[in-house]
Amino acid sequence: MAKRSRDESVAAKILQRILRGGADRLWGLRDFLDIDTATAAGVAATLSRLSRQGTLRRIRRGVYYRPGKTAFGESQPAAEAVAKFLLRDRKTVRTGEFNRLGLTTQMSNALINASDRPVRMKGLSGVGLRFVNRPLSDQKGILAEERTALDSLRMLEKIPDATPEQTLSRLLGLVRHGKLDFDRLARFALAEPPRVRALLGAIGETAGVDAGKLALLKKSLNPITTYRIAGAASVLANPTTWNIK
């Protein structure tokens, strides 16, 4: 009897929290585990019951949505919001949005997230989810646009609707005009492959960055390794000093 009373009390607190949270909001098990005597099994059972009653809508296992009213009926959760909700416990950074940096006019049909470890996650209806392994543990605080800029150097020949020359020219402009912080990029680039470090160093030199700020990048490179990058010489001032051919 006492257990039933506790379960009912927890269920009432869960419902109260959901109602106070407002409409058009996603909920998961962890949002209620701080309630006294709440268990994962008990929370899951309550959310499932609220879904059957129509208070919540089940999106996928462990994820529920409280819809709101619109002129066209009940609201729907944005696929991107669901993806972000699913990733909230993981160390990830958005990347691959090359159009946001003006590197291409094409928009990706997938949400691409950088992660420092392999991630297995099913896609969502209406949106693709892709993960790429990147050294985020050595890039604490990196912003999405900084991660994307470094990835554009990794994928120089693969950016949709853009030549390597166009990509390098655009990145050069972003650095030159302070739209991308070169000091931060250079620090994060130390965890990147040598080719990325060489390209970033050449961009910085062309943009007029102080030689002292380029020293760490230069020192990190093997002086006998060369990088063959078509089109670099037409954009970068001194690519050969960075062993770029």
C-alpha atoms as a PDB file:
ATOM      1  CA  MET A   1       0.000   0.000   0.000  1.00  0.00           C
ATOM      2  CA  ALA A   2       2.828   2.363   0.925  1.00  0.00           C
ATOM      3  CA  LYS A   3       4.622   1.573  -2.347  1.00  0.00           C
ATOM      4  CA  ARG A   4       1.489   2.312  -4.359  1.00  0.00           C
ATOM      5  CA  SER A   5       1.099   5.624  -2.549  1.00  0.00           C
ATOM      6  CA  ARG A   6       4.726   6.529  -3.326  1.00  0.00           C
ATOM      7  CA  ASP A   7       4.290   5.606  -6.994  1.00  0.00           C
ATOM      8  CA  GLU A   8       1.170   7.760  -7.238  1.00  0.00           C
ATOM      9  CA  SER A   9       2.994  10.660  -5.599  1.00  0.00           C
ATOM     10  CA  VAL A  10       5.887  10.382  -8.063  1.00  0.00           C
ATOM     11  CA  ALA A  11       3.463  10.154 -10.998  1.00  0.00           C
ATOM     12  CA  ALA A  12       1.658  13.281  -9.786  1.00  0.00           C
ATOM     13  CA  LYS A  13       4.942  15.179  -9.525  1.00  0.00           C
ATOM     14  CA  ILE A  14       5.941  14.069 -13.023  1.00  0.00           C
ATOM     15  CA  LEU A  15       2.649  15.303 -14.455  1.00  0.00           C
ATOM     16  CA  GLN A  16       2.938  18.574 -12.542  1.00  0.00           C
ATOM     17  CA  ARG A  17       6.443  19.160 -13.923  1.00  0.00           C
ATOM     18  CA  ILE A  18       5.309  18.431 -17.473  1.00  0.00           C
ATOM     19  CA  LEU A  19       2.366  20.817 -17.229  1.00  0.00           C
ATOM     20  CA  ARG A  20       4.558  23.553 -15.766  1.00  0.00           C
ATOM     21  CA  GLY A  21       7.087  23.007 -18.540  1.00  0.00           C
ATOM     22  CA  GLY A  22       4.626  24.179 -21.158  1.00  0.00           C
ATOM     23  CA  ALA A  23       3.780  22.935 -24.613  1.00  0.00           C
ATOM     24  CA  ASP A  24       6.123  22.146 -27.499  1.00  0.00           C
ATOM     25  CA  ARG A  25       8.707  20.548 -25.219  1.00  0.00           C
ATOM     26  CA  LEU A  26      10.597  17.262 -25.214  1.00  0.00           C
ATOM     27  CA  TRP A  27      10.998  15.101 -22.135  1.00  0.00           C
ATOM     28  CA  GLY A  28      13.145  12.099 -21.229  1.00  0.00           C
ATOM     29  CA  LEU A  29      13.640   9.813 -18.244  1.00  0.00           C
ATOM     30  CA  ARG A  30      16.499  11.818 -16.751  1.00  0.00           C
ATOM     31  CA  ASP A  31      14.267  14.900 -16.462  1.00  0.00           C
ATOM     32  CA  PHE A  32      12.434  13.243 -13.558  1.00  0.00           C
ATOM     33  CA  LEU A  33      15.004  11.060 -11.792  1.00  0.00           C
ATOM     34  CA  ASP A  34      15.711  13.841  -9.280  1.00  0.00           C
ATOM     35  CA  ILE A  35      12.215  13.398  -7.828  1.00  0.00           C
ATOM     36  CA  ASP A  36      12.370  11.661  -4.431  1.00  0.00           C
ATOM     37  CA  THR A  37      11.873   7.867  -4.674  1.00  0.00           C
ATOM     38  CA  ALA A  38      11.617   8.036  -8.486  1.00  0.00           C
ATOM     39  CA  THR A  39      13.053   5.068 -10.390  1.00  0.00           C
ATOM     40  CA  ALA A  40      13.814   4.726 -14.088  1.00  0.00           C
ATOM     41  CA  ALA A  41      11.207   1.977 -14.413  1.00  0.00           C
ATOM     42  CA  GLY A  42       8.588   4.028 -12.593  1.00  0.00           C
ATOM     43  CA  VAL A  43       9.249   7.155 -14.650  1.00  0.00           C
ATOM     44  CA  ALA A  44       9.116   5.126 -17.875  1.00  0.00           C
ATOM     45  CA  ALA A  45       5.776   3.626 -16.862  1.00  0.00           C
ATOM     46  CA  THR A  46       4.326   7.052 -16.037  1.00  0.00           C
ATOM     47  CA  LEU A  47       5.475   8.608 -19.310  1.00  0.00           C
ATOM     48  CA  SER A  48       4.064   5.660 -21.237  1.00  0.00           C
ATOM     49  CA  ARG A  49       0.718   6.064 -19.467  1.00  0.00           C
ATOM     50  CA  LEU A  50       0.633   9.817 -20.151  1.00  0.00           C
ATOM     51  CA  SER A  51       1.319   9.026 -23.796  1.00  0.00           C
ATOM     52  CA  ARG A  52      -1.634   6.640 -23.946  1.00  0.00           C
ATOM     53  CA  GLN A  53      -3.802   9.302 -22.309  1.00  0.00           C
ATOM     54  CA  GLY A  54      -2.799  11.905 -24.904  1.00  0.00           C
ATOM     55  CA  THR A  55      -0.893  14.269 -22.600  1.00  0.00           C
ATOM     56  CA  LEU A  56       2.374  13.311 -24.270  1.00  0.00           C
ATOM     57  CA  ARG A  57       3.337  11.880 -27.626  1.00  0.00           C
ATOM     58  CA  ARG A  58       6.003   9.183 -27.811  1.00  0.00           C
ATOM     59  CA  ILE A  59       8.693  10.181 -30.321  1.00  0.00           C
ATOM     60  CA  ARG A  60      10.965   7.194 -29.824  1.00  0.00           C
ATOM     61  CA  ARG A  61      12.144   5.026 -26.973  1.00  0.00           C
ATOM     62  CA  GLY A  62      12.671   7.217 -23.918  1.00  0.00           C
ATOM     63  CA  VAL A  63      11.717  10.468 -25.676  1.00  0.00           C
ATOM     64  CA  TYR A  64       8.319  12.121 -25.309  1.00  0.00           C
ATOM     65  CA  TYR A  65       6.825  15.362 -26.556  1.00  0.00           C
ATOM     66  CA  ARG A  66       4.094  17.566 -25.159  1.00  0.00           C
ATOM     67  CA  PRO A  67       2.364  19.141 -28.182  1.00  0.00           C
ATOM     68  CA  GLY A  68       0.833  22.576 -28.310  1.00  0.00           C
ATOM     69  CA  LYS A  69      -2.182  23.849 -30.211  1.00  0.00           C
ATOM     70  CA  THR A  70      -1.763  25.645 -33.526  1.00  0.00           C
ATOM     71  CA  ALA A  71      -4.153  26.887 -36.192  1.00  0.00           C
ATOM     72  CA  PHE A  72      -3.424  23.667 -38.080  1.00  0.00           C
ATOM     73  CA  GLY A  73      -3.813  21.276 -35.170  1.00  0.00           C
ATOM     74  CA  GLU A  74      -1.245  19.937 -32.737  1.00  0.00           C
ATOM     75  CA  SER A  75       2.332  21.150 -33.046  1.00  0.00           C
ATOM     76  CA  GLN A  76       5.080  18.797 -34.190  1.00  0.00           C
ATOM     77  CA  PRO A  77       8.591  18.613 -32.724  1.00  0.00           C
ATOM     78  CA  ALA A  78      11.291  19.929 -35.042  1.00  0.00           C
ATOM     79  CA  ALA A  79      13.558  17.112 -36.181  1.00  0.00           C
ATOM     80  CA  GLU A  80      16.631  19.195 -35.340  1.00  0.00           C
ATOM     81  CA  ALA A  81      15.312  19.772 -31.804  1.00  0.00           C
ATOM     82  CA  VAL A  82      14.811  16.022 -31.349  1.00  0.00           C
ATOM     83  CA  ALA A  83      18.342  15.356 -32.591  1.00  0.00           C
ATOM     84  CA  LYS A  84      19.760  17.931 -30.170  1.00  0.00           C
ATOM     85  CA  PHE A  85      17.733  16.408 -27.336  1.00  0.00           C
ATOM     86  CA  LEU A  86      19.077  12.936 -28.089  1.00  0.00           C
ATOM     87  CA  LEU A  87      22.645  14.223 -28.104  1.00  0.00           C
ATOM     88  CA  ARG A  88      22.476  16.255 -24.908  1.00  0.00           C
ATOM     89  CA  ASP A  89      24.454  13.681 -22.899  1.00  0.00           C
ATOM     90  CA  ARG A  90      27.178  13.309 -25.520  1.00  0.00           C
ATOM     91  CA  LYS A  91      30.206  15.458 -26.265  1.00  0.00           C
ATOM     92  CA  THR A  92      29.454  16.583 -29.797  1.00  0.00           C
ATOM     93  CA  VAL A  93      29.849  19.717 -31.911  1.00  0.00           C
ATOM     94  CA  ARG A  94      27.902  20.526 -35.040  1.00  0.00           C
ATOM     95  CA  THR A  95      30.006  20.555 -38.178  1.00  0.00           C
ATOM     96  CA  GLY A  96      29.658  20.257 -41.919  1.00  0.00           C
ATOM     97  CA  GLU A  97      27.433  23.333 -42.301  1.00  0.00           C
ATOM     98  CA  PHE A  98      29.706  24.744 -44.977  1.00  0.00           C
ATOM     99  CA  ASN A  99      26.961  27.019 -46.293  1.00  0.00           C
ATOM    100  CA  ARG A 100      26.947  28.961 -43.006  1.00  0.00           C
ATOM    101  CA  LEU A 101      30.551  29.971 -43.619  1.00  0.00           C
ATOM    102  CA  GLY A 102      29.750  30.897 -47.201  1.00  0.00           C
ATOM    103  CA  LEU A 103      31.842  28.021 -48.549  1.00  0.00           C
ATOM    104  CA  THR A 104      28.969  26.634 -50.621  1.00  0.00           C
ATOM    105  CA  THR A 105      25.364  27.459 -51.446  1.00  0.00           C
ATOM    106  CA  GLN A 106      24.245  23.882 -50.923  1.00  0.00           C
ATOM    107  CA  MET A 107      22.616  22.858 -47.658  1.00  0.00           C
ATOM    108  CA  SER A 108      23.277  19.421 -46.239  1.00  0.00           C
ATOM    109  CA  ASN A 109      20.262  17.142 -45.865  1.00  0.00           C
ATOM    110  CA  ALA A 110      21.851  15.632 -42.763  1.00  0.00           C
ATOM    111  CA  LEU A 111      22.785  16.939 -39.333  1.00  0.00           C
ATOM    112  CA  ILE A 112      26.511  16.245 -39.049  1.00  0.00           C
ATOM    113  CA  ASN A 113      27.999  16.097 -35.573  1.00  0.00           C
ATOM    114  CA  ALA A 114      31.637  15.757 -34.593  1.00  0.00           C
ATOM    115  CA  SER A 115      32.257  13.372 -31.698  1.00  0.00           C
ATOM    116  CA  ASP A 116      35.450  12.255 -29.989  1.00  0.00           C
ATOM    117  CA  ARG A 117      34.231   8.658 -29.896  1.00  0.00           C
ATOM    118  CA  PRO A 118      32.096   6.439 -32.118  1.00  0.00           C
ATOM    119  CA  VAL A 119      28.364   7.061 -31.815  1.00  0.00           C
ATOM    120  CA  ARG A 120      25.661   4.619 -32.791  1.00  0.00           C
ATOM    121  CA  MET A 121      22.285   6.210 -33.191  1.00  0.00           C
ATOM    122  CA  LYS A 122      19.369   5.554 -35.474  1.00  0.00           C
ATOM    123  CA  GLY A 123      18.249   8.317 -37.793  1.00  0.00           C
ATOM    124  CA  LEU A 124      15.088  10.323 -37.303  1.00  0.00           C
ATOM    125  CA  SER A 125      12.110  10.585 -39.561  1.00  0.00           C
ATOM    126  CA  GLY A 126      12.647  13.626 -41.768  1.00  0.00           C
ATOM    127  CA  VAL A 127      16.282  14.213 -40.903  1.00  0.00           C
ATOM    128  CA  GLY A 128      19.563  12.359 -41.345  1.00  0.00           C
ATOM    129  CA  LEU A 129      22.061  12.039 -38.525  1.00  0.00           C
ATOM    130  CA  ARG A 130      25.756  11.559 -39.265  1.00  0.00           C
ATOM    131  CA  PHE A 131      28.723  11.432 -36.930  1.00  0.00           C
ATOM    132  CA  VAL A 132      32.399  11.982 -37.665  1.00  0.00           C
ATOM    133  CA  ASN A 133      35.217  11.269 -35.233  1.00  0.00           C
ATOM    134  CA  ARG A 134      37.184  14.364 -34.310  1.00  0.00           C
ATOM    135  CA  PRO A 135      39.671  15.131 -31.460  1.00  0.00           C
ATOM    136  CA  LEU A 136      37.208  17.101 -29.324  1.00  0.00           C
ATOM    137  CA  SER A 137      38.923  16.118 -26.069  1.00  0.00           C
ATOM    138  CA  ASP A 138      41.885  18.210 -27.262  1.00  0.00           C
ATOM    139  CA  GLN A 139      39.648  20.987 -28.578  1.00  0.00           C
ATOM    140  CA  LYS A 140      37.662  21.970 -25.512  1.00  0.00           C
ATOM    141  CA  GLY A 141      35.454  24.982 -26.175  1.00  0.00           C
ATOM    142  CA  ILE A 142      35.611  24.739 -29.960  1.00  0.00           C
ATOM    143  CA  LEU A 143      32.669  26.424 -31.676  1.00  0.00           C
ATOM    144  CA  ALA A 144      30.621  24.874 -34.463  1.00  0.00           C
ATOM    145  CA  GLU A 145      31.943  27.344 -37.043  1.00  0.00           C
ATOM    146  CA  GLU A 146      35.537  26.649 -35.958  1.00  0.00           C
ATOM    147  CA  ARG A 147      35.015  22.898 -36.222  1.00  0.00           C
ATOM    148  CA  THR A 148      33.440  23.416 -39.642  1.00  0.00           C
ATOM    149  CA  ALA A 149      36.363  25.581 -40.799  1.00  0.00           C
ATOM    150  CA  LEU A 150      38.863  22.904 -39.809  1.00  0.00           C
ATOM    151  CA  ASP A 151      36.739  20.238 -41.483  1.00  0.00           C
ATOM    152  CA  SER A 152      36.666  22.304 -44.656  1.00  0.00           C
ATOM    153  CA  LEU A 153      40.469  22.031 -44.731  1.00  0.00           C
ATOM    154  CA  ARG A 154      40.223  18.288 -44.131  1.00  0.00           C
ATOM    155  CA  MET A 155      37.683  17.942 -46.952  1.00  0.00           C
ATOM    156  CA  LEU A 156      39.039  20.619 -49.269  1.00  0.00           C
ATOM    157  CA  GLU A 157      38.349  18.709 -52.481  1.00  0.00           C
ATOM    158  CA  LYS A 158      34.959  17.372 -51.334  1.00  0.00           C
ATOM    159  CA  ILE A 159      32.933  20.457 -50.447  1.00  0.00           C
ATOM    160  CA  PRO A 160      29.824  20.518 -52.665  1.00  0.00           C
ATOM    161  CA  ASP A 161      29.720  23.114 -55.431  1.00  0.00           C
ATOM    162  CA  ALA A 162      33.085  24.659 -54.470  1.00  0.00           C
ATOM    163  CA  THR A 163      36.627  24.339 -55.778  1.00  0.00           C
ATOM    164  CA  PRO A 164      39.616  24.163 -53.409  1.00  0.00           C
ATOM    165  CA  GLU A 165      40.601  27.659 -54.578  1.00  0.00           C
ATOM    166  CA  GLN A 166      37.176  29.044 -53.693  1.00  0.00           C
ATOM    167  CA  THR A 167      37.206  27.405 -50.276  1.00  0.00           C
ATOM    168  CA  LEU A 168      40.701  28.660 -49.440  1.00  0.00           C
ATOM    169  CA  SER A 169      39.836  32.152 -50.666  1.00  0.00           C
ATOM    170  CA  ARG A 170      36.703  32.285 -48.517  1.00  0.00           C
ATOM    171  CA  LEU A 171      38.520  31.034 -45.403  1.00  0.00           C
ATOM    172  CA  LEU A 172      41.284  33.561 -46.040  1.00  0.00           C
ATOM    173  CA  GLY A 173      38.694  36.339 -46.113  1.00  0.00           C
ATOM    174  CA  LEU A 174      37.064  35.126 -42.882  1.00  0.00           C
ATOM    175  CA  VAL A 175      40.434  35.103 -41.097  1.00  0.00           C
ATOM    176  CA  ARG A 176      41.584  38.402 -42.591  1.00  0.00           C
ATOM    177  CA  HIS A 177      38.401  40.208 -41.505  1.00  0.00           C
ATOM    178  CA  GLY A 178      38.272  38.625 -38.056  1.00  0.00           C
ATOM    179  CA  LYS A 179      35.180  36.530 -38.709  1.00  0.00           C
ATOM    180  CA  LEU A 180      37.212  33.503 -37.626  1.00  0.00           C
ATOM    181  CA  ASP A 181      39.616  33.887 -34.696  1.00  0.00           C
ATOM    182  CA  PHE A 182      42.966  32.676 -36.033  1.00  0.00           C
ATOM    183  CA  ASP A 183      44.536  32.264 -32.582  1.00  0.00           C
ATOM    184  CA  ARG A 184      41.782  29.873 -31.549  1.00  0.00           C
ATOM    185  CA  LEU A 185      41.871  28.007 -34.856  1.00  0.00           C
ATOM    186  CA  ALA A 186      45.646  27.590 -34.605  1.00  0.00           C
ATOM    187  CA  ARG A 187      45.354  26.204 -31.080  1.00  0.00           C
ATOM    188  CA  PHE A 188      42.654  23.730 -32.074  1.00  0.00           C
ATOM    189  CA  ALA A 189      44.525  22.809 -35.263  1.00  0.00           C
ATOM    190  CA  LEU A 190      47.399  21.349 -33.244  1.00  0.00           C
ATOM    191  CA  ALA A 191      45.162  18.287 -32.775  1.00  0.00           C
ATOM    192  CA  GLU A 192      44.413  18.084 -36.512  1.00  0.00           C
ATOM    193  CA  PRO A 193      46.245  16.159 -39.268  1.00  0.00           C
ATOM    194  CA  PRO A 194      49.465  17.815 -40.576  1.00  0.00           C
ATOM    195  CA  ARG A 195      47.849  18.843 -43.865  1.00  0.00           C
ATOM    196  CA  VAL A 196      45.244  20.919 -41.995  1.00  0.00           C
ATOM    197  CA  ARG A 197      47.960  22.593 -39.912  1.00  0.00           C
ATOM    198  CA  ALA A 198      49.975  23.418 -43.017  1.00  0.00           C
ATOM    199  CA  LEU A 199      46.986  24.894 -44.827  1.00  0.00           C
ATOM    200  CA  LEU A 200      45.917  26.952 -41.821  1.00  0.00           C
ATOM    201  CA  GLY A 201      49.461  28.237 -41.369  1.00  0.00           C
ATOM    202  CA  ALA A 202      49.632  29.289 -45.022  1.00  0.00           C
ATOM    203  CA  ILE A 203      46.243  31.001 -44.711  1.00  0.00           C
ATOM    204  CA  GLY A 204      47.444  32.856 -41.610  1.00  0.00           C
ATOM    205  CA  GLU A 205      50.653  33.980 -43.292  1.00  0.00           C
ATOM    206  CA  THR A 206      48.728  35.197 -46.343  1.00  0.00           C
ATOM    207  CA  ALA A 207      46.300  37.055 -44.066  1.00  0.00           C
ATOM    208  CA  GLY A 208      49.190  38.874 -42.390  1.00  0.00           C
ATOM    209  CA  VAL A 209      49.073  37.062 -39.049  1.00  0.00           C
ATOM    210  CA  ASP A 210      52.101  37.791 -36.872  1.00  0.00           C
ATOM    211  CA  ALA A 211      54.924  35.291 -37.399  1.00  0.00           C
ATOM    212  CA  GLY A 212      55.022  34.522 -33.699  1.00  0.00           C
ATOM    213  CA  LYS A 213      51.478  33.230 -33.846  1.00  0.00           C
ATOM    214  CA  LEU A 214      52.405  30.944 -36.727  1.00  0.00           C
ATOM    215  CA  ALA A 215      55.436  29.473 -34.981  1.00  0.00           C
ATOM    216  CA  LEU A 216      53.631  26.656 -33.142  1.00  0.00           C
ATOM    217  CA  LEU A 217      51.934  25.475 -36.317  1.00  0.00           C
ATOM    218  CA  LYS A 218      55.232  25.582 -38.193  1.00  0.00           C
ATOM    219  CA  LYS A 219      57.067  23.739 -35.429  1.00  0.00           C
ATOM    220  CA  SER A 220      54.425  20.987 -35.377  1.00  0.00           C
ATOM    221  CA  LEU A 221      55.102  20.027 -39.015  1.00  0.00           C
ATOM    222  CA  ASN A 222      57.665  17.550 -40.297  1.00  0.00           C
ATOM    223  CA  PRO A 223      59.993  19.668 -42.478  1.00  0.00           C
ATOM    224  CA  ILE A 224      60.494  16.885 -45.038  1.00  0.00           C
ATOM    225  CA  THR A 225      56.803  16.082 -45.578  1.00  0.00           C
ATOM    226  CA  THR A 226      55.098  17.775 -48.521  1.00  0.00           C
ATOM    227  CA  TYR A 227      51.390  18.277 -49.183  1.00  0.00           C
ATOM    228  CA  ARG A 228      50.105  18.270 -52.734  1.00  0.00           C
ATOM    229  CA  ILE A 229      47.058  20.549 -52.877  1.00  0.00           C
ATOM    230  CA  ALA A 230      45.832  21.635 -56.281  1.00  0.00           C
ATOM    231  CA  GLY A 231      45.034  25.328 -56.591  1.00  0.00           C
ATOM    232  CA  ALA A 232      46.672  26.395 -53.318  1.00  0.00           C
ATOM    233  CA  ALA A 233      49.363  28.428 -55.088  1.00  0.00           C
ATOM    234  CA  SER A 234      46.757  30.658 -56.743  1.00  0.00           C
ATOM    235  CA  VAL A 235      45.343  31.771 -53.364  1.00  0.00           C
ATOM    236  CA  LEU A 236      48.114  31.452 -50.782  1.00  0.00           C
ATOM    237  CA  ALA A 237      51.082  33.827 -50.803  1.00  0.00           C
ATOM    238  CA  ASN A 238      53.899  31.473 -49.773  1.00  0.00           C
ATOM    239  CA  PRO A 239      52.584  27.892 -49.850  1.00  0.00           C
ATOM    240  CA  THR A 240      56.055  26.402 -50.351  1.00  0.00           C
ATOM    241  CA  THR A 241      57.174  27.706 -46.954  1.00  0.00           C
ATOM    242  CA  TRP A 242      54.539  25.346 -45.551  1.00  0.00           C
ATOM    243  CA  ASN A 243      55.632  22.497 -47.840  1.00  0.00           C
ATOM    244  CA  ILE A 244      52.467  22.844 -49.900  1.00  0.00           C
ATOM    245  CA  LYS A 245      53.030  22.004 -53.560  1.00  0.00           C
END
